[in-house]
Amino acid sequence: MVLKKILVIDDDEDVRLILSDILRQAGYQVKTGKDVTAVYEIEKDPPALLLIDNWLEGKTGHDICWQLKQDPRTQNIPVILISATTKLDETARRCGADDYICKPFDLVDLVNKVRLTIRQ
């Protein structure tokens, strides 16, 4: 069985490790990155889902999401924004994200949102 791949981008190493562990335990293959460079060749090996922090050094997650959703090669990759920022729901809607997760997050809710988003 081929595991569905999730790309997790967060500049906080602890958050990347937690997300990776939880998602691997849930049965996903996980690749991680700490900044925008992790999406540079995303169209060559697209993940089943991109889980991206909204506040990254150099470029915001919502800017990255918006750019991916404008490109025909990447527009169908589901994106979930994750952040502790206020009004994340509005930010996610404006950039075309498929969903959002507020920090701090419940691990069960996170896995459920990931499963639902990948199935859509």
Foldseek 3Di string as FASTA:
>chain_A
DDAFEEEEEALDPVVVVVVCVLVVVVGHHYDYYHDPVVCPPCLVPPGLAYEYEQDGPPHGPLVVLLVQCVDPSRVPRAYEYEEQDPPVVVSCVVSVHPYYAYPPGDSVVVSVVVVVRSVD
